[in-house]
Amino acid sequence: MDGTPKTPKDYKIVAGTQLCGGRAVSAEASRALKVITGTSRFEASAEEYTVARAAADLVEAFPASALVKDVCRVYTPIDMPDFDLRITWNLKDGVPTDPPAPEFTELKMGELAVAAADKAYVQFACRSERLLSSSRVGHILISVRHWAVSAEPKGDVEALKDAYATVAHSVSLAMARELRCEKDGGLPERPVLDPA
């Protein structure tokens, strides 16, 4: 045994647009991932990490809040420095009223959109026949976070904020469409990156 880790048999390298089941990351969000991670090549997502699976889990959990579940994880390839980006969803009780923390820039998307140099959140309202009591509106929060040991973000902070917001918007829009939310949950077709 030489001690070098073996590459898993099903190991594949893919473009950003093929991550998370292939519909979550737009071409624009794929370019944003390169700004965040420094690469346009990623480990292929595990089969359970798709927007379709995340939406099915959300439908099953609705209207329970307080649980945070993965949509997808993004990893850089084995031959590159480790980078772990976690994309999660959770259900909220309503529209947030507290002002965001100082490191966040507020953006005009959905019910709430904020971005920092290592994370972004987009919350949108979903009225859909897929959510059991369709008279109730689901408030869905999508989070994109760099899962690192409190490292200072490296690079242009404004470019990183825009990149995180772009990825969070892309996954939120994909979730809204998968859930068949009325009017795509009020989300714009493209990310809005100007501060609110």
N, C-alpha and C. Protein backbone atom coordinates (compact mmCIF):
# COMPACT_ATOMS: atom_id res chain seq x y z
N MET A 1 0.85 -1.20 0.00
CA MET A 1 0.00 0.00 0.00
C MET A 1 0.88 1.24 0.00
N ASP A 2 0.62 2.15 -0.92
CA ASP A 2 1.45 3.36 -0.98
C ASP A 2 0.83 4.55 -0.25
N GLY A 3 -0.35 4.40 0.30
CA GLY A 3 -0.94 5.46 1.10
C GLY A 3 -1.66 6.55 0.32
N THR A 4 -1.59 6.54 -1.01
CA THR A 4 -2.32 7.57 -1.76
C THR A 4 -3.78 7.15 -1.87
N PRO A 5 -4.70 8.12 -1.66
CA PRO A 5 -6.11 7.74 -1.72
C PRO A 5 -6.49 7.32 -3.13
N LYS A 6 -7.33 6.32 -3.21
CA LYS A 6 -7.79 5.83 -4.51
C LYS A 6 -9.00 6.67 -4.96
N THR A 7 -9.04 6.96 -6.25
CA THR A 7 -10.17 7.69 -6.80
C THR A 7 -11.36 6.73 -6.87
N PRO A 8 -12.52 7.14 -6.35
CA PRO A 8 -13.69 6.25 -6.43
C PRO A 8 -14.01 5.88 -7.88
N LYS A 9 -14.55 4.66 -8.08
CA LYS A 9 -14.83 4.17 -9.44
C LYS A 9 -15.77 5.09 -10.21
N ASP A 10 -16.81 5.61 -9.52
CA ASP A 10 -17.81 6.42 -10.22
C ASP A 10 -17.46 7.91 -10.21
N TYR A 11 -16.20 8.22 -9.93
CA TYR A 11 -15.76 9.62 -9.83
C TYR A 11 -15.80 10.29 -11.20
N LYS A 12 -16.47 11.43 -11.25
CA LYS A 12 -16.55 12.17 -12.51
C LYS A 12 -16.34 13.65 -12.24
N ILE A 13 -15.76 14.32 -13.21
CA ILE A 13 -15.59 15.77 -13.16
C ILE A 13 -16.59 16.37 -14.14
N VAL A 14 -17.34 17.39 -13.70
CA VAL A 14 -18.38 17.98 -14.56
C VAL A 14 -18.28 19.50 -14.54
N ALA A 15 -18.97 20.11 -15.49
CA ALA A 15 -19.10 21.57 -15.52
C ALA A 15 -20.15 21.98 -14.48
N GLY A 16 -20.11 23.24 -14.07
CA GLY A 16 -21.05 23.74 -13.07
C GLY A 16 -22.51 23.53 -13.43
N THR A 17 -22.84 23.65 -14.72
CA THR A 17 -24.24 23.51 -15.14
C THR A 17 -24.77 22.09 -14.97
N GLN A 18 -23.87 21.11 -14.74
CA GLN A 18 -24.31 19.72 -14.57
C GLN A 18 -24.47 19.33 -13.10
N LEU A 19 -24.17 20.27 -12.19
CA LEU A 19 -24.27 19.96 -10.76
C LEU A 19 -25.73 19.90 -10.31
N CYS A 20 -25.96 19.26 -9.18
CA CYS A 20 -27.26 19.30 -8.49
C CYS A 20 -28.41 18.83 -9.37
N GLY A 21 -28.16 17.82 -10.20
CA GLY A 21 -29.21 17.27 -11.04
C GLY A 21 -29.34 17.92 -12.39
N GLY A 22 -28.53 18.93 -12.65
CA GLY A 22 -28.48 19.49 -14.00
C GLY A 22 -29.44 20.63 -14.31
N ARG A 23 -30.34 21.00 -13.37
CA ARG A 23 -31.24 22.12 -13.67
C ARG A 23 -31.10 23.27 -12.67
N ALA A 24 -30.27 23.08 -11.67
CA ALA A 24 -30.18 24.07 -10.59
C ALA A 24 -29.23 25.22 -10.89
N VAL A 25 -28.18 24.93 -11.66
CA VAL A 25 -27.12 25.91 -11.87
C VAL A 25 -27.17 26.40 -13.31
N SER A 26 -27.57 27.66 -13.47
CA SER A 26 -27.63 28.27 -14.80
C SER A 26 -26.21 28.51 -15.30
N ALA A 27 -26.07 28.86 -16.58
CA ALA A 27 -24.74 29.18 -17.13
C ALA A 27 -24.13 30.36 -16.36
N GLU A 28 -24.98 31.32 -16.02
CA GLU A 28 -24.53 32.50 -15.26
C GLU A 28 -24.05 32.08 -13.86
N ALA A 29 -24.81 31.19 -13.22
CA ALA A 29 -24.43 30.70 -11.89
C ALA A 29 -23.17 29.84 -11.97
N SER A 30 -22.99 29.12 -13.06
CA SER A 30 -21.78 28.31 -13.25
C SER A 30 -20.55 29.22 -13.32
N ARG A 31 -20.67 30.36 -14.01
CA ARG A 31 -19.57 31.33 -14.06
C ARG A 31 -19.33 31.90 -12.66
N ALA A 32 -20.41 32.10 -11.90
CA ALA A 32 -20.29 32.61 -10.53
C ALA A 32 -19.55 31.60 -9.65
N LEU A 33 -19.79 30.31 -9.86
CA LEU A 33 -19.08 29.28 -9.10
C LEU A 33 -17.57 29.36 -9.34
N LYS A 34 -17.20 29.74 -10.56
CA LYS A 34 -15.76 29.88 -10.85
C LYS A 34 -15.17 31.03 -10.04
N VAL A 35 -15.95 32.13 -9.90
CA VAL A 35 -15.48 33.27 -9.09
C VAL A 35 -15.29 32.81 -7.63
N ILE A 36 -16.23 31.99 -7.14
CA ILE A 36 -16.19 31.54 -5.75
C ILE A 36 -15.07 30.53 -5.50
N THR A 37 -14.94 29.55 -6.39
CA THR A 37 -14.04 28.42 -6.13
C THR A 37 -12.72 28.49 -6.88
N GLY A 38 -12.66 29.32 -7.93
CA GLY A 38 -11.44 29.40 -8.73
C GLY A 38 -11.35 28.33 -9.80
N THR A 39 -12.41 27.55 -9.98
CA THR A 39 -12.39 26.51 -11.02
C THR A 39 -13.74 26.40 -11.71
N SER A 40 -13.72 25.87 -12.93
CA SER A 40 -14.99 25.62 -13.63
C SER A 40 -15.23 24.11 -13.73
N ARG A 41 -14.42 23.33 -12.99
CA ARG A 41 -14.58 21.87 -12.95
C ARG A 41 -14.90 21.46 -11.52
N PHE A 42 -15.85 20.53 -11.39
CA PHE A 42 -16.31 20.13 -10.06
C PHE A 42 -16.53 18.63 -10.01
N GLU A 43 -16.52 18.09 -8.78
CA GLU A 43 -16.91 16.69 -8.62
C GLU A 43 -18.39 16.58 -8.96
N ALA A 44 -18.76 15.53 -9.69
CA ALA A 44 -20.18 15.32 -10.01
C ALA A 44 -20.96 15.17 -8.71
N SER A 45 -22.18 15.71 -8.70
CA SER A 45 -23.03 15.61 -7.50
C SER A 45 -23.47 14.16 -7.32
N ALA A 46 -23.57 13.75 -6.06
CA ALA A 46 -24.12 12.43 -5.76
C ALA A 46 -25.57 12.39 -6.24
N GLU A 47 -26.06 11.19 -6.54
CA GLU A 47 -27.41 11.06 -7.12
C GLU A 47 -28.50 11.69 -6.26
N GLU A 48 -28.32 11.66 -4.93
CA GLU A 48 -29.39 12.20 -4.08
C GLU A 48 -29.39 13.72 -4.04
N TYR A 49 -28.35 14.35 -4.59
CA TYR A 49 -28.28 15.81 -4.54
C TYR A 49 -28.84 16.44 -5.81
N THR A 50 -30.16 16.52 -5.87
CA THR A 50 -30.82 17.16 -7.02
C THR A 50 -31.91 18.09 -6.50
N VAL A 51 -32.27 19.05 -7.32
CA VAL A 51 -33.37 19.95 -6.98
C VAL A 51 -34.68 19.15 -6.90
N ALA A 52 -34.85 18.17 -7.78
CA ALA A 52 -36.07 17.36 -7.75
C ALA A 52 -36.21 16.63 -6.41
N ARG A 53 -35.12 16.05 -5.92
CA ARG A 53 -35.14 15.34 -4.64
C ARG A 53 -35.41 16.33 -3.50
N ALA A 54 -34.73 17.47 -3.53
CA ALA A 54 -34.90 18.48 -2.48
C ALA A 54 -36.35 18.98 -2.46
N ALA A 55 -36.94 19.19 -3.64
CA ALA A 55 -38.33 19.66 -3.70
C ALA A 55 -39.27 18.59 -3.14
N ALA A 56 -39.01 17.32 -3.45
CA ALA A 56 -39.85 16.23 -2.93
C ALA A 56 -39.74 16.18 -1.41
N ASP A 57 -38.53 16.34 -0.86
CA ASP A 57 -38.34 16.35 0.59
C ASP A 57 -39.08 17.53 1.22
N LEU A 58 -39.04 18.67 0.56
CA LEU A 58 -39.71 19.87 1.08
C LEU A 58 -41.22 19.65 1.12
N VAL A 59 -41.77 19.10 0.03
CA VAL A 59 -43.21 18.83 -0.03
C VAL A 59 -43.62 17.91 1.12
N GLU A 60 -42.79 16.90 1.38
CA GLU A 60 -43.06 15.95 2.46
C GLU A 60 -43.00 16.63 3.83
N ALA A 61 -42.07 17.56 4.00
CA ALA A 61 -41.87 18.23 5.28
C ALA A 61 -42.88 19.35 5.54
N PHE A 62 -43.41 19.94 4.48
CA PHE A 62 -44.28 21.11 4.61
C PHE A 62 -45.48 20.80 5.52
N PRO A 63 -45.88 21.68 6.45
CA PRO A 63 -45.38 23.03 6.70
C PRO A 63 -44.35 23.12 7.82
N ALA A 64 -43.76 22.01 8.24
CA ALA A 64 -42.80 22.04 9.36
C ALA A 64 -41.64 22.98 9.06
N SER A 65 -41.25 23.75 10.06
CA SER A 65 -40.07 24.59 9.86
C SER A 65 -38.98 24.10 10.81
N ALA A 66 -37.90 24.79 10.85
CA ALA A 66 -36.79 24.52 11.77
C ALA A 66 -35.87 23.38 11.34
N LEU A 67 -36.15 22.73 10.22
CA LEU A 67 -35.17 21.75 9.76
C LEU A 67 -34.44 22.33 8.57
N VAL A 68 -33.17 22.03 8.48
CA VAL A 68 -32.35 22.50 7.36
C VAL A 68 -31.88 21.26 6.61
N LYS A 69 -32.17 21.21 5.30
CA LYS A 69 -31.83 20.02 4.50
C LYS A 69 -31.00 20.44 3.30
N ASP A 70 -30.14 19.53 2.87
CA ASP A 70 -29.31 19.80 1.69
C ASP A 70 -30.12 19.79 0.41
N VAL A 71 -29.79 20.73 -0.47
CA VAL A 71 -30.21 20.63 -1.87
C VAL A 71 -29.07 19.92 -2.59
N CYS A 72 -27.85 20.41 -2.31
CA CYS A 72 -26.70 19.95 -3.07
C CYS A 72 -25.42 20.41 -2.37
N ARG A 73 -24.33 19.74 -2.66
CA ARG A 73 -23.02 20.20 -2.20
C ARG A 73 -22.12 20.31 -3.43
N VAL A 74 -21.25 21.28 -3.39
CA VAL A 74 -20.35 21.51 -4.52
C VAL A 74 -18.92 21.33 -4.01
N TYR A 75 -18.19 20.43 -4.66
CA TYR A 75 -16.80 20.17 -4.28
C TYR A 75 -15.88 20.39 -5.47
N THR A 76 -14.69 20.90 -5.18
CA THR A 76 -13.67 21.02 -6.23
C THR A 76 -13.07 19.63 -6.46
N PRO A 77 -12.47 19.40 -7.63
CA PRO A 77 -11.89 18.08 -7.93
C PRO A 77 -10.75 17.71 -6.97
N ILE A 78 -10.44 16.42 -6.89
CA ILE A 78 -9.42 15.89 -5.99
C ILE A 78 -8.07 16.59 -6.15
N ASP A 79 -7.70 16.96 -7.38
CA ASP A 79 -6.37 17.54 -7.61
C ASP A 79 -6.29 19.04 -7.28
N MET A 80 -7.34 19.60 -6.71
CA MET A 80 -7.35 21.03 -6.40
C MET A 80 -7.49 21.25 -4.90
N PRO A 81 -7.22 22.48 -4.41
CA PRO A 81 -7.44 22.76 -2.98
C PRO A 81 -8.91 22.48 -2.63
N ASP A 82 -9.14 21.92 -1.45
CA ASP A 82 -10.51 21.58 -1.03
C ASP A 82 -11.40 22.80 -0.98
N PHE A 83 -12.59 22.64 -1.50
CA PHE A 83 -13.60 23.69 -1.38
C PHE A 83 -14.94 23.00 -1.23
N ASP A 84 -15.70 23.34 -0.21
CA ASP A 84 -16.98 22.69 0.07
C ASP A 84 -18.04 23.78 0.17
N LEU A 85 -18.93 23.78 -0.81
CA LEU A 85 -20.02 24.75 -0.84
C LEU A 85 -21.31 24.00 -0.54
N ARG A 86 -22.03 24.41 0.49
CA ARG A 86 -23.28 23.74 0.85
C ARG A 86 -24.47 24.59 0.42
N ILE A 87 -25.39 23.94 -0.27
CA ILE A 87 -26.63 24.61 -0.68
C ILE A 87 -27.76 23.89 0.05
N THR A 88 -28.51 24.63 0.85
CA THR A 88 -29.55 24.02 1.68
C THR A 88 -30.89 24.74 1.50
N TRP A 89 -31.95 24.08 1.96
CA TRP A 89 -33.27 24.73 2.02
C TRP A 89 -33.82 24.58 3.43
N ASN A 90 -34.65 25.53 3.82
CA ASN A 90 -35.50 25.32 4.98
C ASN A 90 -36.75 26.17 4.86
N LEU A 91 -37.76 25.78 5.62
CA LEU A 91 -39.04 26.48 5.60
C LEU A 91 -39.05 27.50 6.73
N LYS A 92 -39.57 28.67 6.43
CA LYS A 92 -39.66 29.74 7.42
C LYS A 92 -41.13 30.01 7.74
N ASP A 93 -41.36 30.66 8.90
CA ASP A 93 -42.74 30.94 9.31
C ASP A 93 -43.35 32.14 8.61
N GLY A 94 -42.56 32.98 8.04
CA GLY A 94 -43.10 34.17 7.38
C GLY A 94 -41.98 35.04 6.84
N VAL A 95 -42.36 36.27 6.53
CA VAL A 95 -41.40 37.21 5.96
C VAL A 95 -40.51 37.74 7.08
N PRO A 96 -39.19 37.73 6.89
CA PRO A 96 -38.31 38.22 7.94
C PRO A 96 -38.49 39.72 8.16
N THR A 97 -38.42 40.14 9.41
CA THR A 97 -38.60 41.56 9.73
C THR A 97 -37.33 42.20 10.28
N ASP A 98 -36.40 41.38 10.77
CA ASP A 98 -35.17 41.94 11.33
C ASP A 98 -34.23 42.41 10.22
N PRO A 99 -33.49 43.49 10.46
CA PRO A 99 -32.52 43.90 9.44
C PRO A 99 -31.39 42.87 9.35
N PRO A 100 -30.79 42.71 8.16
CA PRO A 100 -29.71 41.72 8.04
C PRO A 100 -28.47 42.17 8.81
N ALA A 101 -27.61 41.20 9.14
CA ALA A 101 -26.34 41.48 9.83
C ALA A 101 -25.48 42.39 8.96
N PRO A 102 -24.56 43.15 9.58
CA PRO A 102 -23.79 44.16 8.84
C PRO A 102 -22.96 43.62 7.67
N GLU A 103 -22.54 42.33 7.72
CA GLU A 103 -21.70 41.85 6.61
C GLU A 103 -22.50 41.57 5.34
N PHE A 104 -23.84 41.62 5.44
CA PHE A 104 -24.69 41.33 4.29
C PHE A 104 -25.08 42.58 3.51
N THR A 105 -25.18 42.40 2.20
CA THR A 105 -25.78 43.41 1.33
C THR A 105 -27.17 42.89 0.99
N GLU A 106 -28.19 43.75 1.17
CA GLU A 106 -29.56 43.34 0.85
C GLU A 106 -29.83 43.58 -0.63
N LEU A 107 -30.50 42.62 -1.27
CA LEU A 107 -30.80 42.70 -2.70
C LEU A 107 -32.31 42.59 -2.90
N LYS A 108 -32.79 43.05 -4.06
CA LYS A 108 -34.24 43.05 -4.31
C LYS A 108 -34.65 41.80 -5.09
N MET A 109 -34.75 40.68 -4.39
CA MET A 109 -35.22 39.44 -5.02
C MET A 109 -36.08 38.72 -4.00
N GLY A 110 -37.25 38.22 -4.42
CA GLY A 110 -38.10 37.44 -3.53
C GLY A 110 -38.49 38.21 -2.27
N GLU A 111 -38.72 37.48 -1.18
CA GLU A 111 -39.09 38.10 0.09
C GLU A 111 -37.87 38.65 0.81
N LEU A 112 -36.73 38.03 0.57
CA LEU A 112 -35.48 38.44 1.22
C LEU A 112 -34.34 37.90 0.37
N ALA A 113 -33.35 38.73 0.15
CA ALA A 113 -32.12 38.26 -0.51
C ALA A 113 -30.98 39.07 0.08
N VAL A 114 -30.00 38.35 0.61
CA VAL A 114 -28.82 39.00 1.18
C VAL A 114 -27.58 38.22 0.75
N ALA A 115 -26.48 38.95 0.60
CA ALA A 115 -25.23 38.30 0.18
C ALA A 115 -24.07 38.85 0.98
N ALA A 116 -23.15 37.96 1.32
CA ALA A 116 -21.88 38.33 1.95
C ALA A 116 -20.77 37.69 1.12
N ALA A 117 -19.52 37.86 1.55
CA ALA A 117 -18.39 37.36 0.76
C ALA A 117 -18.22 35.86 0.84
N ASP A 118 -18.98 35.17 1.74
CA ASP A 118 -18.86 33.71 1.84
C ASP A 118 -20.21 33.00 1.94
N LYS A 119 -21.29 33.74 1.71
CA LYS A 119 -22.62 33.12 1.76
C LYS A 119 -23.68 34.05 1.18
N ALA A 120 -24.82 33.47 0.81
CA ALA A 120 -25.97 34.26 0.37
C ALA A 120 -27.24 33.48 0.69
N TYR A 121 -28.32 34.21 0.92
CA TYR A 121 -29.63 33.62 1.21
C TYR A 121 -30.67 34.27 0.32
N VAL A 122 -31.57 33.46 -0.22
CA VAL A 122 -32.73 33.98 -0.95
C VAL A 122 -33.95 33.30 -0.37
N GLN A 123 -34.94 34.10 0.04
CA GLN A 123 -36.21 33.54 0.53
C GLN A 123 -37.31 33.98 -0.42
N PHE A 124 -38.19 33.02 -0.76
CA PHE A 124 -39.30 33.34 -1.65
C PHE A 124 -40.58 32.69 -1.13
N ALA A 125 -41.71 33.24 -1.57
CA ALA A 125 -43.01 32.72 -1.16
C ALA A 125 -43.51 31.78 -2.24
N CYS A 126 -44.03 30.63 -1.83
CA CYS A 126 -44.50 29.64 -2.80
C CYS A 126 -45.94 29.25 -2.51
N ARG A 127 -46.80 29.52 -3.47
CA ARG A 127 -48.17 29.00 -3.43
C ARG A 127 -48.24 27.98 -4.57
N SER A 128 -48.52 26.72 -4.22
CA SER A 128 -48.47 25.66 -5.24
C SER A 128 -49.39 24.52 -4.84
N GLU A 129 -49.96 23.87 -5.84
CA GLU A 129 -50.79 22.69 -5.53
C GLU A 129 -49.94 21.54 -5.00
N ARG A 130 -48.62 21.63 -5.15
CA ARG A 130 -47.75 20.58 -4.60
C ARG A 130 -47.64 20.68 -3.08
N LEU A 131 -47.87 21.87 -2.54
CA LEU A 131 -47.82 22.04 -1.08
C LEU A 131 -49.22 21.73 -0.55
N LEU A 132 -49.30 20.77 0.36
CA LEU A 132 -50.57 20.17 0.76
C LEU A 132 -51.71 21.15 0.94
N SER A 133 -51.55 22.10 1.84
CA SER A 133 -52.64 23.06 2.01
C SER A 133 -52.30 24.26 1.15
N SER A 134 -52.70 24.20 -0.12
CA SER A 134 -52.29 25.24 -1.06
C SER A 134 -52.89 26.59 -0.72
N SER A 135 -53.79 26.63 0.29
CA SER A 135 -54.27 27.94 0.75
C SER A 135 -53.15 28.63 1.53
N ARG A 136 -52.19 27.83 2.03
CA ARG A 136 -51.07 28.40 2.79
C ARG A 136 -49.90 28.67 1.86
N VAL A 137 -49.22 29.70 2.18
CA VAL A 137 -48.03 30.04 1.40
C VAL A 137 -46.81 29.46 2.10
N GLY A 138 -45.95 28.80 1.35
CA GLY A 138 -44.69 28.32 1.92
C GLY A 138 -43.63 29.40 1.78
N HIS A 139 -42.89 29.64 2.83
CA HIS A 139 -41.78 30.60 2.77
C HIS A 139 -40.50 29.78 2.78
N ILE A 140 -39.81 29.75 1.64
CA ILE A 140 -38.68 28.85 1.45
C ILE A 140 -37.38 29.65 1.38
N LEU A 141 -36.43 29.25 2.21
CA LEU A 141 -35.14 29.93 2.25
C LEU A 141 -34.08 29.00 1.65
N ILE A 142 -33.39 29.50 0.63
CA ILE A 142 -32.27 28.77 0.03
C ILE A 142 -30.99 29.46 0.49
N SER A 143 -30.06 28.66 0.97
CA SER A 143 -28.80 29.18 1.51
C SER A 143 -27.65 28.58 0.72
N VAL A 144 -26.68 29.40 0.38
CA VAL A 144 -25.45 28.95 -0.27
C VAL A 144 -24.30 29.43 0.61
N ARG A 145 -23.53 28.49 1.16
CA ARG A 145 -22.48 28.87 2.11
C ARG A 145 -21.19 28.12 1.86
N HIS A 146 -20.09 28.84 2.00
CA HIS A 146 -18.78 28.19 1.96
C HIS A 146 -18.58 27.54 3.32
N TRP A 147 -18.44 26.23 3.31
CA TRP A 147 -18.30 25.47 4.55
C TRP A 147 -16.84 25.38 4.89
N ALA A 148 -16.31 26.41 5.55
CA ALA A 148 -14.88 26.43 5.84
C ALA A 148 -14.68 26.80 7.29
N VAL A 149 -13.50 26.52 7.77
CA VAL A 149 -13.15 26.88 9.14
C VAL A 149 -12.87 28.38 9.16
N SER A 150 -13.87 29.13 9.49
CA SER A 150 -13.82 30.60 9.58
C SER A 150 -12.61 31.24 8.89
N ALA A 151 -12.46 30.93 7.61
CA ALA A 151 -11.37 31.53 6.84
C ALA A 151 -11.85 32.88 6.30
N GLU A 152 -10.97 33.85 6.26
CA GLU A 152 -11.33 35.13 5.65
C GLU A 152 -11.49 34.89 4.15
N PRO A 153 -12.58 35.36 3.55
CA PRO A 153 -12.74 35.17 2.10
C PRO A 153 -11.58 35.85 1.35
N LYS A 154 -11.06 35.14 0.35
CA LYS A 154 -9.97 35.70 -0.45
C LYS A 154 -10.54 36.22 -1.76
N GLY A 155 -10.11 37.41 -2.16
CA GLY A 155 -10.57 37.93 -3.44
C GLY A 155 -11.40 39.19 -3.27
N ASP A 156 -11.98 39.62 -4.37
CA ASP A 156 -12.79 40.83 -4.43
C ASP A 156 -14.12 40.58 -3.72
N VAL A 157 -14.33 41.25 -2.59
CA VAL A 157 -15.52 40.99 -1.76
C VAL A 157 -16.81 41.26 -2.54
N GLU A 158 -16.86 42.35 -3.30
CA GLU A 158 -18.09 42.66 -4.06
C GLU A 158 -18.37 41.60 -5.13
N ALA A 159 -17.30 41.15 -5.81
CA ALA A 159 -17.47 40.10 -6.84
C ALA A 159 -17.94 38.81 -6.19
N LEU A 160 -17.41 38.50 -5.00
CA LEU A 160 -17.84 37.29 -4.29
C LEU A 160 -19.29 37.39 -3.86
N LYS A 161 -19.70 38.56 -3.34
CA LYS A 161 -21.11 38.76 -2.95
C LYS A 161 -22.03 38.52 -4.15
N ASP A 162 -21.67 39.12 -5.30
CA ASP A 162 -22.48 38.95 -6.51
C ASP A 162 -22.54 37.49 -6.93
N ALA A 163 -21.39 36.81 -6.81
CA ALA A 163 -21.32 35.40 -7.22
C ALA A 163 -22.20 34.52 -6.32
N TYR A 164 -22.10 34.71 -5.00
CA TYR A 164 -22.94 33.93 -4.09
C TYR A 164 -24.43 34.22 -4.34
N ALA A 165 -24.77 35.49 -4.55
CA ALA A 165 -26.17 35.86 -4.81
C ALA A 165 -26.67 35.22 -6.10
N THR A 166 -25.79 35.15 -7.11
CA THR A 166 -26.17 34.56 -8.41
C THR A 166 -26.47 33.07 -8.26
N VAL A 167 -25.63 32.37 -7.50
CA VAL A 167 -25.86 30.93 -7.29
C VAL A 167 -27.13 30.72 -6.46
N ALA A 168 -27.32 31.51 -5.41
CA ALA A 168 -28.52 31.37 -4.56
C ALA A 168 -29.78 31.65 -5.38
N HIS A 169 -29.74 32.64 -6.25
CA HIS A 169 -30.90 32.95 -7.10
C HIS A 169 -31.19 31.79 -8.05
N SER A 170 -30.14 31.25 -8.67
CA SER A 170 -30.32 30.18 -9.65
C SER A 170 -30.97 28.95 -9.01
N VAL A 171 -30.48 28.55 -7.84
CA VAL A 171 -31.04 27.37 -7.15
C VAL A 171 -32.46 27.68 -6.66
N SER A 172 -32.69 28.89 -6.18
CA SER A 172 -34.04 29.28 -5.71
C SER A 172 -35.04 29.22 -6.85
N LEU A 173 -34.66 29.75 -8.00
CA LEU A 173 -35.55 29.74 -9.17
C LEU A 173 -35.83 28.30 -9.62
N ALA A 174 -34.79 27.47 -9.60
CA ALA A 174 -34.97 26.05 -9.97
C ALA A 174 -35.93 25.37 -8.99
N MET A 175 -35.79 25.66 -7.69
CA MET A 175 -36.69 25.08 -6.68
C MET A 175 -38.11 25.57 -6.89
N ALA A 176 -38.27 26.87 -7.11
CA ALA A 176 -39.61 27.45 -7.32
C ALA A 176 -40.29 26.79 -8.52
N ARG A 177 -39.52 26.54 -9.57
CA ARG A 177 -40.10 25.91 -10.78
C ARG A 177 -40.40 24.43 -10.53
N GLU A 178 -39.52 23.76 -9.81
CA GLU A 178 -39.75 22.34 -9.50
C GLU A 178 -40.99 22.18 -8.63
N LEU A 179 -41.20 23.12 -7.71
CA LEU A 179 -42.38 23.08 -6.82
C LEU A 179 -43.63 23.62 -7.51
N ARG A 180 -43.46 24.16 -8.71
CA ARG A 180 -44.55 24.79 -9.47
C ARG A 180 -45.20 25.93 -8.69
N CYS A 181 -44.35 26.76 -8.07
CA CYS A 181 -44.84 27.93 -7.34
C CYS A 181 -45.45 28.93 -8.33
N GLU A 182 -46.57 29.55 -7.93
CA GLU A 182 -47.17 30.59 -8.76
C GLU A 182 -46.13 31.66 -9.06
N LYS A 183 -46.09 32.09 -10.32
CA LYS A 183 -45.19 33.16 -10.76
C LYS A 183 -43.74 32.95 -10.31
N ASP A 184 -43.30 31.69 -10.34
CA ASP A 184 -41.91 31.35 -9.95
C ASP A 184 -41.55 31.91 -8.58
N GLY A 185 -42.53 31.94 -7.66
CA GLY A 185 -42.26 32.43 -6.30
C GLY A 185 -41.91 33.91 -6.25
N GLY A 186 -42.28 34.64 -7.31
CA GLY A 186 -41.97 36.08 -7.35
C GLY A 186 -40.51 36.37 -7.65
N LEU A 187 -39.78 35.35 -8.08
CA LEU A 187 -38.35 35.56 -8.36
C LEU A 187 -38.14 36.04 -9.80
N PRO A 188 -37.20 36.95 -10.01
CA PRO A 188 -36.91 37.41 -11.37
C PRO A 188 -36.21 36.31 -12.17
N GLU A 189 -36.26 36.44 -13.47
CA GLU A 189 -35.60 35.48 -14.37
C GLU A 189 -34.09 35.51 -14.18
N ARG A 190 -33.54 36.69 -13.94
CA ARG A 190 -32.10 36.82 -13.74
C ARG A 190 -31.84 37.43 -12.36
N PRO A 191 -30.67 37.17 -11.77
CA PRO A 191 -30.40 37.72 -10.44
C PRO A 191 -30.34 39.24 -10.45
N VAL A 192 -30.84 39.84 -9.38
CA VAL A 192 -30.77 41.31 -9.21
C VAL A 192 -29.64 41.54 -8.20
N LEU A 193 -28.56 42.17 -8.65
CA LEU A 193 -27.38 42.29 -7.79
C LEU A 193 -27.17 43.69 -7.24
N ASP A 194 -28.05 44.63 -7.65
CA ASP A 194 -27.93 45.99 -7.10
C ASP A 194 -28.47 46.00 -5.68
N PRO A 195 -27.78 46.66 -4.75
CA PRO A 195 -28.26 46.71 -3.37
C PRO A 195 -29.66 47.30 -3.27
N ALA A 196 -30.47 46.78 -2.35
CA ALA A 196 -31.86 47.27 -2.18
C ALA A 196 -31.84 48.65 -1.55
